[in-house]
Amino acid sequence: MADQAPLELILNHATLEEMTQVFGIEGSVAEAILQHRPYESEIDLLERGVIPKRAFEQICWRLRHPGEDPQP
């Protein structure tokens, strides 16, 4: 069985359900991410005070540039 690539979270496309169920992001954090869209870059989450630094550190390795289209 081949290794699967890690899932990536695209900030401007992910749904609330994807964020909470697939990525395990706390509901209030996921809702804040949705409410403050769109993002030009991942760092917008911190610079705009959308989520706490600790929450960002937990998900930052899974983030993909917000302008990228989701892969089919």
PDB file of N, CA and C in Angstrom:
ATOM      1  N   MET A   1       0.847  -1.195   0.000  1.00  0.00           N
ATOM      2  CA  MET A   1       0.000   0.000   0.000  1.00  0.00           C
ATOM      3  C   MET A   1       0.880   1.240   0.000  1.00  0.00           C
ATOM      4  N   ALA A   2       0.661   2.134  -0.935  1.00  0.00           N
ATOM      5  CA  ALA A   2       1.474   3.336  -1.045  1.00  0.00           C
ATOM      6  C   ALA A   2       1.095   4.339   0.031  1.00  0.00           C
ATOM      7  N   ASP A   3       2.092   5.112   0.450  1.00  0.00           N
ATOM      8  CA  ASP A   3       1.822   6.168   1.422  1.00  0.00           C
ATOM      9  C   ASP A   3       0.984   7.244   0.761  1.00  0.00           C
ATOM     10  N   GLN A   4       0.027   7.756   1.522  1.00  0.00           N
ATOM     11  CA  GLN A   4      -0.789   8.836   1.007  1.00  0.00           C
ATOM     12  C   GLN A   4      -0.140  10.159   1.373  1.00  0.00           C
ATOM     13  N   ALA A   5      -0.251  11.135   0.480  1.00  0.00           N
ATOM     14  CA  ALA A   5       0.255  12.471   0.776  1.00  0.00           C
ATOM     15  C   ALA A   5      -0.582  13.070   1.894  1.00  0.00           C
ATOM     16  N   PRO A   6       0.042  13.866   2.757  1.00  0.00           N
ATOM     17  CA  PRO A   6      -0.740  14.497   3.829  1.00  0.00           C
ATOM     18  C   PRO A   6      -1.780  15.432   3.249  1.00  0.00           C
ATOM     19  N   LEU A   7      -2.912  15.499   3.906  1.00  0.00           N
ATOM     20  CA  LEU A   7      -3.973  16.398   3.467  1.00  0.00           C
ATOM     21  C   LEU A   7      -3.529  17.833   3.669  1.00  0.00           C
ATOM     22  N   GLU A   8      -3.950  18.691   2.760  1.00  0.00           N
ATOM     23  CA  GLU A   8      -3.627  20.100   2.854  1.00  0.00           C
ATOM     24  C   GLU A   8      -4.906  20.907   2.982  1.00  0.00           C
ATOM     25  N   LEU A   9      -4.867  21.909   3.826  1.00  0.00           N
ATOM     26  CA  LEU A   9      -6.007  22.778   4.055  1.00  0.00           C
ATOM     27  C   LEU A   9      -5.839  24.035   3.208  1.00  0.00           C
ATOM     28  N   ILE A  10      -6.774  24.278   2.306  1.00  0.00           N
ATOM     29  CA  ILE A  10      -6.756  25.488   1.492  1.00  0.00           C
ATOM     30  C   ILE A  10      -7.729  26.469   2.140  1.00  0.00           C
ATOM     31  N   LEU A  11      -7.190  27.516   2.727  1.00  0.00           N
ATOM     32  CA  LEU A  11      -7.971  28.427   3.561  1.00  0.00           C
ATOM     33  C   LEU A  11      -9.194  29.022   2.887  1.00  0.00           C
ATOM     34  N   ASN A  12      -9.091  29.373   1.617  1.00  0.00           N
ATOM     35  CA  ASN A  12     -10.207  30.035   0.948  1.00  0.00           C
ATOM     36  C   ASN A  12     -11.217  29.068   0.347  1.00  0.00           C
ATOM     37  N   HIS A  13     -10.994  27.767   0.499  1.00  0.00           N
ATOM     38  CA  HIS A  13     -11.898  26.783  -0.100  1.00  0.00           C
ATOM     39  C   HIS A  13     -12.465  25.759   0.890  1.00  0.00           C
ATOM     40  N   ALA A  14     -11.782  25.480   1.960  1.00  0.00           N
ATOM     41  CA  ALA A  14     -12.213  24.430   2.890  1.00  0.00           C
ATOM     42  C   ALA A  14     -13.536  24.792   3.559  1.00  0.00           C
ATOM     43  N   THR A  15     -14.378  23.785   3.744  1.00  0.00           N
ATOM     44  CA  THR A  15     -15.658  23.977   4.430  1.00  0.00           C
ATOM     45  C   THR A  15     -15.461  23.836   5.937  1.00  0.00           C
ATOM     46  N   LEU A  16     -16.469  24.262   6.676  1.00  0.00           N
ATOM     47  CA  LEU A  16     -16.435  24.114   8.135  1.00  0.00           C
ATOM     48  C   LEU A  16     -16.273  22.643   8.504  1.00  0.00           C
ATOM     49  N   GLU A  17     -17.012  21.781   7.817  1.00  0.00           N
ATOM     50  CA  GLU A  17     -16.948  20.350   8.106  1.00  0.00           C
ATOM     51  C   GLU A  17     -15.561  19.783   7.832  1.00  0.00           C
ATOM     52  N   GLU A  18     -14.938  20.198   6.726  1.00  0.00           N
ATOM     53  CA  GLU A  18     -13.584  19.730   6.432  1.00  0.00           C
ATOM     54  C   GLU A  18     -12.612  20.178   7.517  1.00  0.00           C
ATOM     55  N   MET A  19     -12.724  21.433   7.908  1.00  0.00           N
ATOM     56  CA  MET A  19     -11.800  21.944   8.923  1.00  0.00           C
ATOM     57  C   MET A  19     -11.944  21.209  10.250  1.00  0.00           C
ATOM     58  N   THR A  20     -13.178  20.980  10.673  1.00  0.00           N
ATOM     59  CA  THR A  20     -13.379  20.356  11.979  1.00  0.00           C
ATOM     60  C   THR A  20     -13.233  18.844  11.953  1.00  0.00           C
ATOM     61  N   GLN A  21     -13.769  18.193  10.940  1.00  0.00           N
ATOM     62  CA  GLN A  21     -13.781  16.730  10.919  1.00  0.00           C
ATOM     63  C   GLN A  21     -12.528  16.126  10.309  1.00  0.00           C
ATOM     64  N   VAL A  22     -12.037  16.692   9.225  1.00  0.00           N
ATOM     65  CA  VAL A  22     -10.867  16.131   8.553  1.00  0.00           C
ATOM     66  C   VAL A  22      -9.576  16.626   9.189  1.00  0.00           C
ATOM     67  N   PHE A  23      -9.533  17.925   9.499  1.00  0.00           N
ATOM     68  CA  PHE A  23      -8.301  18.508  10.010  1.00  0.00           C
ATOM     69  C   PHE A  23      -8.280  18.641  11.525  1.00  0.00           C
ATOM     70  N   GLY A  24      -9.409  18.396  12.181  1.00  0.00           N
ATOM     71  CA  GLY A  24      -9.458  18.429  13.639  1.00  0.00           C
ATOM     72  C   GLY A  24      -9.320  19.812  14.245  1.00  0.00           C
ATOM     73  N   ILE A  25      -9.708  20.829  13.486  1.00  0.00           N
ATOM     74  CA  ILE A  25      -9.628  22.197  13.991  1.00  0.00           C
ATOM     75  C   ILE A  25     -10.844  22.461  14.876  1.00  0.00           C
ATOM     76  N   GLU A  26     -10.612  23.074  16.012  1.00  0.00           N
ATOM     77  CA  GLU A  26     -11.694  23.403  16.939  1.00  0.00           C
ATOM     78  C   GLU A  26     -12.746  24.252  16.228  1.00  0.00           C
ATOM     79  N   GLY A  27     -14.012  24.017  16.542  1.00  0.00           N
ATOM     80  CA  GLY A  27     -15.121  24.683  15.865  1.00  0.00           C
ATOM     81  C   GLY A  27     -15.034  26.192  15.850  1.00  0.00           C
ATOM     82  N   SER A  28     -14.702  26.801  16.988  1.00  0.00           N
ATOM     83  CA  SER A  28     -14.644  28.264  17.045  1.00  0.00           C
ATOM     84  C   SER A  28     -13.504  28.809  16.179  1.00  0.00           C
ATOM     85  N   VAL A  29     -12.405  28.079  16.094  1.00  0.00           N
ATOM     86  CA  VAL A  29     -11.276  28.491  15.256  1.00  0.00           C
ATOM     87  C   VAL A  29     -11.671  28.370  13.780  1.00  0.00           C
ATOM     88  N   ALA A  30     -12.309  27.255  13.420  1.00  0.00           N
ATOM     89  CA  ALA A  30     -12.747  27.049  12.044  1.00  0.00           C
ATOM     90  C   ALA A  30     -13.749  28.130  11.629  1.00  0.00           C
ATOM     91  N   GLU A  31     -14.661  28.480  12.508  1.00  0.00           N
ATOM     92  CA  GLU A  31     -15.645  29.516  12.194  1.00  0.00           C
ATOM     93  C   GLU A  31     -14.968  30.866  11.986  1.00  0.00           C
ATOM     94  N   ALA A  32     -13.972  31.170  12.802  1.00  0.00           N
ATOM     95  CA  ALA A  32     -13.235  32.428  12.632  1.00  0.00           C
ATOM     96  C   ALA A  32     -12.519  32.459  11.285  1.00  0.00           C
ATOM     97  N   ILE A  33     -11.932  31.331  10.891  1.00  0.00           N
ATOM     98  CA  ILE A  33     -11.251  31.256   9.594  1.00  0.00           C
ATOM     99  C   ILE A  33     -12.245  31.542   8.477  1.00  0.00           C
ATOM    100  N   LEU A  34     -13.430  30.942   8.559  1.00  0.00           N
ATOM    101  CA  LEU A  34     -14.455  31.159   7.531  1.00  0.00           C
ATOM    102  C   LEU A  34     -14.924  32.614   7.484  1.00  0.00           C
ATOM    103  N   GLN A  35     -15.143  33.211   8.635  1.00  0.00           N
ATOM    104  CA  GLN A  35     -15.690  34.563   8.712  1.00  0.00           C
ATOM    105  C   GLN A  35     -14.751  35.626   8.154  1.00  0.00           C
ATOM    106  N   HIS A  36     -13.454  35.370   8.178  1.00  0.00           N
ATOM    107  CA  HIS A  36     -12.489  36.397   7.773  1.00  0.00           C
ATOM    108  C   HIS A  36     -11.910  36.175   6.376  1.00  0.00           C
ATOM    109  N   ARG A  37     -12.481  35.277   5.605  1.00  0.00           N
ATOM    110  CA  ARG A  37     -12.027  35.071   4.229  1.00  0.00           C
ATOM    111  C   ARG A  37     -12.299  36.299   3.394  1.00  0.00           C
ATOM    112  N   PRO A  38     -11.569  36.506   2.329  1.00  0.00           N
ATOM    113  CA  PRO A  38     -10.493  35.700   1.762  1.00  0.00           C
ATOM    114  C   PRO A  38      -9.139  36.070   2.364  1.00  0.00           C
ATOM    115  N   TYR A  39      -8.179  35.186   2.163  1.00  0.00           N
ATOM    116  CA  TYR A  39      -6.807  35.377   2.635  1.00  0.00           C
ATOM    117  C   TYR A  39      -5.875  35.461   1.441  1.00  0.00           C
ATOM    118  N   GLU A  40      -4.888  36.339   1.543  1.00  0.00           N
ATOM    119  CA  GLU A  40      -3.866  36.426   0.507  1.00  0.00           C
ATOM    120  C   GLU A  40      -2.738  35.441   0.781  1.00  0.00           C
ATOM    121  N   SER A  41      -2.493  35.173   2.068  1.00  0.00           N
ATOM    122  CA  SER A  41      -1.464  34.205   2.452  1.00  0.00           C
ATOM    123  C   SER A  41      -1.843  33.601   3.792  1.00  0.00           C
ATOM    124  N   GLU A  42      -1.165  32.528   4.130  1.00  0.00           N
ATOM    125  CA  GLU A  42      -1.447  31.831   5.369  1.00  0.00           C
ATOM    126  C   GLU A  42      -1.190  32.720   6.592  1.00  0.00           C
ATOM    127  N   ILE A  43      -0.190  33.580   6.496  1.00  0.00           N
ATOM    128  CA  ILE A  43       0.188  34.419   7.632  1.00  0.00           C
ATOM    129  C   ILE A  43      -0.903  35.441   7.968  1.00  0.00           C
ATOM    130  N   ASP A  44      -1.839  35.664   7.034  1.00  0.00           N
ATOM    131  CA  ASP A  44      -2.977  36.546   7.320  1.00  0.00           C
ATOM    132  C   ASP A  44      -3.719  36.105   8.578  1.00  0.00           C
ATOM    133  N   LEU A  45      -3.738  34.812   8.832  1.00  0.00           N
ATOM    134  CA  LEU A  45      -4.426  34.316  10.025  1.00  0.00           C
ATOM    135  C   LEU A  45      -3.879  34.960  11.295  1.00  0.00           C
ATOM    136  N   LEU A  46      -2.578  35.159  11.340  1.00  0.00           N
ATOM    137  CA  LEU A  46      -1.953  35.788  12.506  1.00  0.00           C
ATOM    138  C   LEU A  46      -1.979  37.306  12.416  1.00  0.00           C
ATOM    139  N   GLU A  47      -1.592  37.831  11.268  1.00  0.00           N
ATOM    140  CA  GLU A  47      -1.493  39.281  11.115  1.00  0.00           C
ATOM    141  C   GLU A  47      -2.832  39.980  11.314  1.00  0.00           C
ATOM    142  N   ARG A  48      -3.913  39.322  10.938  1.00  0.00           N
ATOM    143  CA  ARG A  48      -5.240  39.910  11.096  1.00  0.00           C
ATOM    144  C   ARG A  48      -5.911  39.486  12.401  1.00  0.00           C
ATOM    145  N   GLY A  49      -5.210  38.713  13.216  1.00  0.00           N
ATOM    146  CA  GLY A  49      -5.742  38.306  14.520  1.00  0.00           C
ATOM    147  C   GLY A  49      -6.912  37.354  14.429  1.00  0.00           C
ATOM    148  N   VAL A  50      -6.953  36.553  13.367  1.00  0.00           N
ATOM    149  CA  VAL A  50      -8.074  35.634  13.151  1.00  0.00           C
ATOM    150  C   VAL A  50      -8.029  34.479  14.152  1.00  0.00           C
ATOM    151  N   ILE A  51      -6.863  33.895  14.340  1.00  0.00           N
ATOM    152  CA  ILE A  51      -6.723  32.780  15.271  1.00  0.00           C
ATOM    153  C   ILE A  51      -5.496  33.005  16.150  1.00  0.00           C
ATOM    154  N   PRO A  52      -5.473  32.390  17.327  1.00  0.00           N
ATOM    155  CA  PRO A  52      -4.308  32.520  18.203  1.00  0.00           C
ATOM    156  C   PRO A  52      -3.072  31.841  17.601  1.00  0.00           C
ATOM    157  N   LYS A  53      -1.909  32.318  18.011  1.00  0.00           N
ATOM    158  CA  LYS A  53      -0.648  31.779  17.498  1.00  0.00           C
ATOM    159  C   LYS A  53      -0.556  30.275  17.728  1.00  0.00           C
ATOM    160  N   ARG A  54      -0.990  29.819  18.882  1.00  0.00           N
ATOM    161  CA  ARG A  54      -0.918  28.383  19.196  1.00  0.00           C
ATOM    162  C   ARG A  54      -1.739  27.552  18.206  1.00  0.00           C
ATOM    163  N   ALA A  55      -2.930  28.036  17.865  1.00  0.00           N
ATOM    164  CA  ALA A  55      -3.772  27.330  16.895  1.00  0.00           C
ATOM    165  C   ALA A  55      -3.100  27.326  15.532  1.00  0.00           C
ATOM    166  N   PHE A  56      -2.496  28.464  15.162  1.00  0.00           N
ATOM    167  CA  PHE A  56      -1.794  28.541  13.881  1.00  0.00           C
ATOM    168  C   PHE A  56      -0.647  27.538  13.835  1.00  0.00           C
ATOM    169  N   GLU A  57       0.111  27.456  14.906  1.00  0.00           N
ATOM    170  CA  GLU A  57       1.248  26.531  14.955  1.00  0.00           C
ATOM    171  C   GLU A  57       0.810  25.077  14.801  1.00  0.00           C
ATOM    172  N   GLN A  58      -0.385  24.754  15.249  1.00  0.00           N
ATOM    173  CA  GLN A  58      -0.884  23.382  15.156  1.00  0.00           C
ATOM    174  C   GLN A  58      -1.320  23.015  13.742  1.00  0.00           C
ATOM    175  N   ILE A  59      -1.701  23.998  12.942  1.00  0.00           N
ATOM    176  CA  ILE A  59      -2.202  23.685  11.599  1.00  0.00           C
ATOM    177  C   ILE A  59      -1.313  24.191  10.468  1.00  0.00           C
ATOM    178  N   CYS A  60      -0.326  25.029  10.762  1.00  0.00           N
ATOM    179  CA  CYS A  60       0.437  25.705   9.706  1.00  0.00           C
ATOM    180  C   CYS A  60       1.114  24.742   8.741  1.00  0.00           C
ATOM    181  N   TRP A  61       1.550  23.599   9.195  1.00  0.00           N
ATOM    182  CA  TRP A  61       2.237  22.652   8.308  1.00  0.00           C
ATOM    183  C   TRP A  61       1.294  22.020   7.297  1.00  0.00           C
ATOM    184  N   ARG A  62      -0.014  22.163   7.509  1.00  0.00           N
ATOM    185  CA  ARG A  62      -0.991  21.585   6.580  1.00  0.00           C
ATOM    186  C   ARG A  62      -1.605  22.625   5.651  1.00  0.00           C
ATOM    187  N   LEU A  63      -1.231  23.876   5.825  1.00  0.00           N
ATOM    188  CA  LEU A  63      -1.829  24.936   5.026  1.00  0.00           C
ATOM    189  C   LEU A  63      -1.223  24.999   3.633  1.00  0.00           C
ATOM    190  N   ARG A  64      -2.051  25.306   2.687  1.00  0.00           N
ATOM    191  CA  ARG A  64      -1.631  25.494   1.312  1.00  0.00           C
ATOM    192  C   ARG A  64      -2.021  26.910   0.916  1.00  0.00           C
ATOM    193  N   HIS A  65      -1.268  27.528   0.054  1.00  0.00           N
ATOM    194  CA  HIS A  65      -1.523  28.917  -0.311  1.00  0.00           C
ATOM    195  C   HIS A  65      -2.990  29.114  -0.651  1.00  0.00           C
ATOM    196  N   PRO A  66      -3.625  30.107  -0.034  1.00  0.00           N
ATOM    197  CA  PRO A  66      -5.070  30.315  -0.239  1.00  0.00           C
ATOM    198  C   PRO A  66      -5.498  30.533  -1.665  1.00  0.00           C
ATOM    199  N   GLY A  67      -4.642  31.053  -2.522  1.00  0.00           N
ATOM    200  CA  GLY A  67      -5.020  31.307  -3.895  1.00  0.00           C
ATOM    201  C   GLY A  67      -5.018  30.074  -4.784  1.00  0.00           C
ATOM    202  N   GLU A  68      -4.477  28.969  -4.284  1.00  0.00           N
ATOM    203  CA  GLU A  68      -4.410  27.759  -5.085  1.00  0.00           C
ATOM    204  C   GLU A  68      -5.773  27.094  -5.161  1.00  0.00           C
ATOM    205  N   ASP A  69      -6.074  26.560  -6.317  1.00  0.00           N
ATOM    206  CA  ASP A  69      -7.325  25.820  -6.495  1.00  0.00           C
ATOM    207  C   ASP A  69      -7.176  24.429  -5.898  1.00  0.00           C
ATOM    208  N   PRO A  70      -8.257  23.912  -5.322  1.00  0.00           N
ATOM    209  CA  PRO A  70      -8.187  22.540  -4.814  1.00  0.00           C
ATOM    210  C   PRO A  70      -7.977  21.555  -5.961  1.00  0.00           C
ATOM    211  N   GLN A  71      -7.224  20.522  -5.681  1.00  0.00           N
ATOM    212  CA  GLN A  71      -6.996  19.501  -6.705  1.00  0.00           C
ATOM    213  C   GLN A  71      -8.196  18.574  -6.760  1.00  0.00           C
ATOM    214  N   PRO A  72      -8.559  18.103  -7.958  1.00  0.00           N
ATOM    215  CA  PRO A  72      -9.740  17.229  -8.099  1.00  0.00           C
ATOM    216  C   PRO A  72      -9.545  15.911  -7.403  1.00  0.00           C
TER     217      PRO A  72
END
